[in-house]
């Protein structure tokens, strides 16, 4: 692959920035109407921040703020935003090597991310212990249908949003929006 081509690098950068920004709003917004967790449960990002950055005095509540009387977990919000940029970067670079990643306008990628993150990594590190599962680790078989639906749809929405942003960036740079875009 020719990473020296300026346009190729610009497509990667712009898709990462635009796709990461827009998809973070889409993913976060999907949890408003379909929350993946019950009230009072700690979110996996919150547990992750506490476990990995707590020693430095950074916790899930370090950046909390109130907006129009609503308490917002600032560190968890930032964490979700950063993951959206990572997922967008992986998507655009991954599509160079495996064009099937873009299948169903990126929905396949969303399903893969859900399985990897919520089916493997989050439970493996012990960052999900649903109240309704009597404290059992949140492996796929220990989670309820509502949580599965929320996470699957949220990640599919996010990945389709990244694909739409990638189509816009490719169109801007006059590259093929279907198939292999890399030149």
Protein backbone atom coordinates (compact mmCIF):
# COMPACT_ATOMS: atom_id res chain seq x y z
CA UNK A 1 0.00 0.00 0.00
CA UNK A 2 1.25 3.44 -0.90
CA UNK A 3 1.06 5.56 2.24
CA UNK A 4 3.18 8.23 0.55
CA UNK A 5 0.21 9.35 -1.57
CA UNK A 6 -1.01 12.61 -0.01
CA UNK A 7 -4.66 12.06 -0.97
CA UNK A 8 -4.72 8.60 0.62
CA UNK A 9 -3.39 10.06 3.88
CA UNK A 10 -5.91 12.90 3.75
CA UNK A 11 -8.77 10.43 3.27
CA UNK A 12 -7.62 8.47 6.32
CA UNK A 13 -7.24 11.63 8.43
CA UNK A 14 -10.49 13.29 7.36
CA UNK A 15 -12.57 10.11 7.67
CA UNK A 16 -11.10 9.54 11.13
CA UNK A 17 -11.89 13.10 12.25
CA UNK A 18 -15.31 13.55 10.66
CA UNK A 19 -16.39 9.93 11.14
CA UNK A 20 -15.11 9.85 14.71
CA UNK A 21 -16.85 13.10 15.64
CA UNK A 22 -20.20 12.34 14.01
CA UNK A 23 -20.29 8.69 15.06
CA UNK A 24 -19.60 9.59 18.70
CA UNK A 25 -22.76 11.70 18.68
CA UNK A 26 -24.73 8.92 17.01
CA UNK A 27 -23.56 6.20 19.43
CA UNK A 28 -24.09 8.34 22.50
CA UNK A 29 -27.47 9.46 21.21
CA UNK A 30 -28.60 5.88 20.62
CA UNK A 31 -28.18 5.20 24.34
CA UNK A 32 -30.70 7.91 25.23
CA UNK A 33 -33.66 5.93 23.87
CA UNK A 34 -32.18 2.47 24.57
CA UNK A 35 -29.93 2.62 27.65
CA UNK A 36 -27.71 -0.48 27.77
CA UNK A 37 -27.58 -0.53 31.57
CA UNK A 38 -30.02 -0.33 34.43
CA UNK A 39 -30.04 2.79 36.65
CA UNK A 40 -27.25 2.72 39.21
CA UNK A 41 -24.97 0.35 37.30
CA UNK A 42 -21.43 1.47 36.59
CA UNK A 43 -20.66 1.73 32.90
CA UNK A 44 -17.76 -0.31 31.49
CA UNK A 45 -15.90 2.89 30.48
CA UNK A 46 -16.34 4.23 34.02
CA UNK A 47 -15.02 1.01 35.55
CA UNK A 48 -12.16 1.03 33.06
CA UNK A 49 -11.19 4.64 33.87
CA UNK A 50 -11.30 3.92 37.62
CA UNK A 51 -9.21 0.75 37.29
CA UNK A 52 -6.57 2.02 34.88
CA UNK A 53 -6.26 5.70 35.77
CA UNK A 54 -7.40 5.79 39.40
CA UNK A 55 -3.79 5.66 40.61
CA UNK A 56 -3.24 9.05 38.92
CA UNK A 57 -6.31 10.58 40.59
CA UNK A 58 -8.36 10.36 37.40
CA UNK A 59 -11.73 8.69 37.90
CA UNK A 60 -14.97 8.42 35.99
CA UNK A 61 -16.15 11.50 37.94
CA UNK A 62 -13.03 13.65 37.41
CA UNK A 63 -14.57 15.69 34.61
CA UNK A 64 -18.23 15.66 35.70
CA UNK A 65 -20.27 18.75 35.02
CA UNK A 66 -23.87 19.92 35.19
CA UNK A 67 -25.63 21.11 32.06
CA UNK A 68 -29.15 22.51 32.42
CA UNK A 69 -29.51 20.71 35.73
CA UNK A 70 -28.44 17.34 34.31
CA UNK A 71 -25.38 15.61 35.77
CA UNK A 72 -23.02 14.53 32.97
CA UNK A 73 -20.15 12.07 33.39
CA UNK A 74 -17.48 14.09 31.58
CA UNK A 75 -14.69 11.50 31.69
CA UNK A 76 -16.99 8.75 30.40
CA UNK A 77 -18.20 11.05 27.63
CA UNK A 78 -14.62 11.85 26.62
CA UNK A 79 -13.78 8.14 26.74
CA UNK A 80 -16.65 7.33 24.33
CA UNK A 81 -15.55 10.15 22.02
CA UNK A 82 -11.96 8.89 21.93
CA UNK A 83 -13.16 5.36 21.14
CA UNK A 84 -15.21 6.72 18.25
CA UNK A 85 -12.08 8.24 16.71
CA UNK A 86 -10.21 4.95 17.20
CA UNK A 87 -13.07 2.96 15.66
CA UNK A 88 -13.22 5.38 12.70
CA UNK A 89 -9.46 5.08 12.14
CA UNK A 90 -9.58 1.28 12.31
CA UNK A 91 -12.54 1.28 9.92
CA UNK A 92 -10.95 3.43 7.22
CA UNK A 93 -7.53 1.75 7.41
CA UNK A 94 -9.12 -1.69 7.71
CA UNK A 95 -11.15 -1.04 4.56
CA UNK A 96 -7.88 -0.70 2.65
CA UNK A 97 -6.91 -4.28 3.47
CA UNK A 98 -10.35 -5.90 3.76
CA UNK A 99 -13.02 -4.18 1.67
CA UNK A 100 -15.70 -6.54 3.07
CA UNK A 101 -15.47 -4.46 6.25
CA UNK A 102 -17.72 -1.97 4.45
CA UNK A 103 -20.42 -4.62 3.93
CA UNK A 104 -23.98 -3.39 4.59
CA UNK A 105 -22.75 0.23 4.77
CA UNK A 106 -20.40 -0.71 7.60
CA UNK A 107 -22.96 -2.62 9.68
CA UNK A 108 -20.73 -5.72 9.58
CA UNK A 109 -17.99 -3.69 11.28
CA UNK A 110 -20.47 -2.63 13.97
CA UNK A 111 -21.37 -6.26 14.65
CA UNK A 112 -17.67 -7.19 14.85
CA UNK A 113 -16.92 -4.31 17.23
CA UNK A 114 -19.85 -5.34 19.45
CA UNK A 115 -18.62 -8.92 19.65
CA UNK A 116 -15.00 -7.94 20.27
CA UNK A 117 -15.67 -5.18 22.82
CA UNK A 118 -18.83 -6.29 24.63
CA UNK A 119 -18.56 -10.01 23.99
CA UNK A 120 -14.86 -10.48 24.71
CA UNK A 121 -12.72 -7.60 26.04
CA UNK A 122 -15.08 -5.89 28.50
CA UNK A 123 -16.12 -9.11 30.28
CA UNK A 124 -12.59 -10.54 30.07
CA UNK A 125 -11.25 -7.54 32.01
CA UNK A 126 -14.19 -7.74 34.46
CA UNK A 127 -15.66 -4.34 33.58
CA UNK A 128 -19.26 -5.56 33.26
CA UNK A 129 -21.19 -7.20 36.09
CA UNK A 130 -24.92 -6.63 35.46
CA UNK A 131 -27.14 -6.20 38.53
CA UNK A 132 -29.76 -8.45 36.96
CA UNK A 133 -27.16 -11.25 36.63
CA UNK A 134 -26.48 -11.33 40.39
CA UNK A 135 -22.97 -9.93 39.89
CA UNK A 136 -21.87 -12.54 37.32
CA UNK A 137 -19.37 -11.34 34.73
CA UNK A 138 -21.20 -9.87 31.73
CA UNK A 139 -20.39 -12.53 29.16
CA UNK A 140 -22.86 -12.74 26.27
CA UNK A 141 -24.86 -15.52 27.93
CA UNK A 142 -25.17 -13.56 31.21
CA UNK A 143 -26.65 -10.42 29.66
CA UNK A 144 -30.28 -9.69 28.93
CA UNK A 145 -31.82 -9.07 25.51
CA UNK A 146 -32.28 -5.34 26.18
CA UNK A 147 -28.56 -4.83 26.75
CA UNK A 148 -27.68 -6.87 23.68
CA UNK A 149 -30.10 -4.89 21.51
CA UNK A 150 -28.81 -1.55 22.78
CA UNK A 151 -25.15 -2.37 22.22
CA UNK A 152 -25.66 -4.05 18.84
CA UNK A 153 -27.80 -1.23 17.46
CA UNK A 154 -25.54 1.47 18.95
CA UNK A 155 -22.43 0.00 17.33
CA UNK A 156 -24.18 -0.62 14.01
CA UNK A 157 -25.46 2.98 14.01
CA UNK A 158 -21.94 4.23 14.78
CA UNK A 159 -20.28 2.16 12.05
CA UNK A 160 -22.88 3.09 9.41
CA UNK A 161 -22.30 6.73 10.36
CA UNK A 162 -18.55 6.25 9.83
CA UNK A 163 -19.24 4.71 6.41
CA UNK A 164 -21.48 7.63 5.42
CA UNK A 165 -18.74 10.04 6.49
CA UNK A 166 -16.21 8.01 4.51
CA UNK A 167 -18.43 8.18 1.43
CA UNK A 168 -18.60 11.97 1.83
CA UNK A 169 -14.80 12.23 2.21
CA UNK A 170 -14.22 9.94 -0.79
CA UNK A 171 -16.64 12.01 -2.87
CA UNK A 172 -14.85 15.19 -1.82
CA UNK A 173 -11.54 13.72 -2.98
CA UNK A 174 -13.18 12.29 -6.14
CA UNK A 175 -12.41 8.68 -5.26
CA UNK A 176 -14.65 5.65 -5.87
CA UNK A 177 -17.21 5.36 -3.11
CA UNK A 178 -17.71 1.63 -3.76
CA UNK A 179 -15.10 -1.07 -3.83
CA UNK A 180 -11.40 -0.31 -3.55
CA UNK A 181 -10.84 3.40 -3.01
CA UNK A 182 -7.12 3.17 -2.35
CA UNK A 183 -4.91 4.26 -5.27
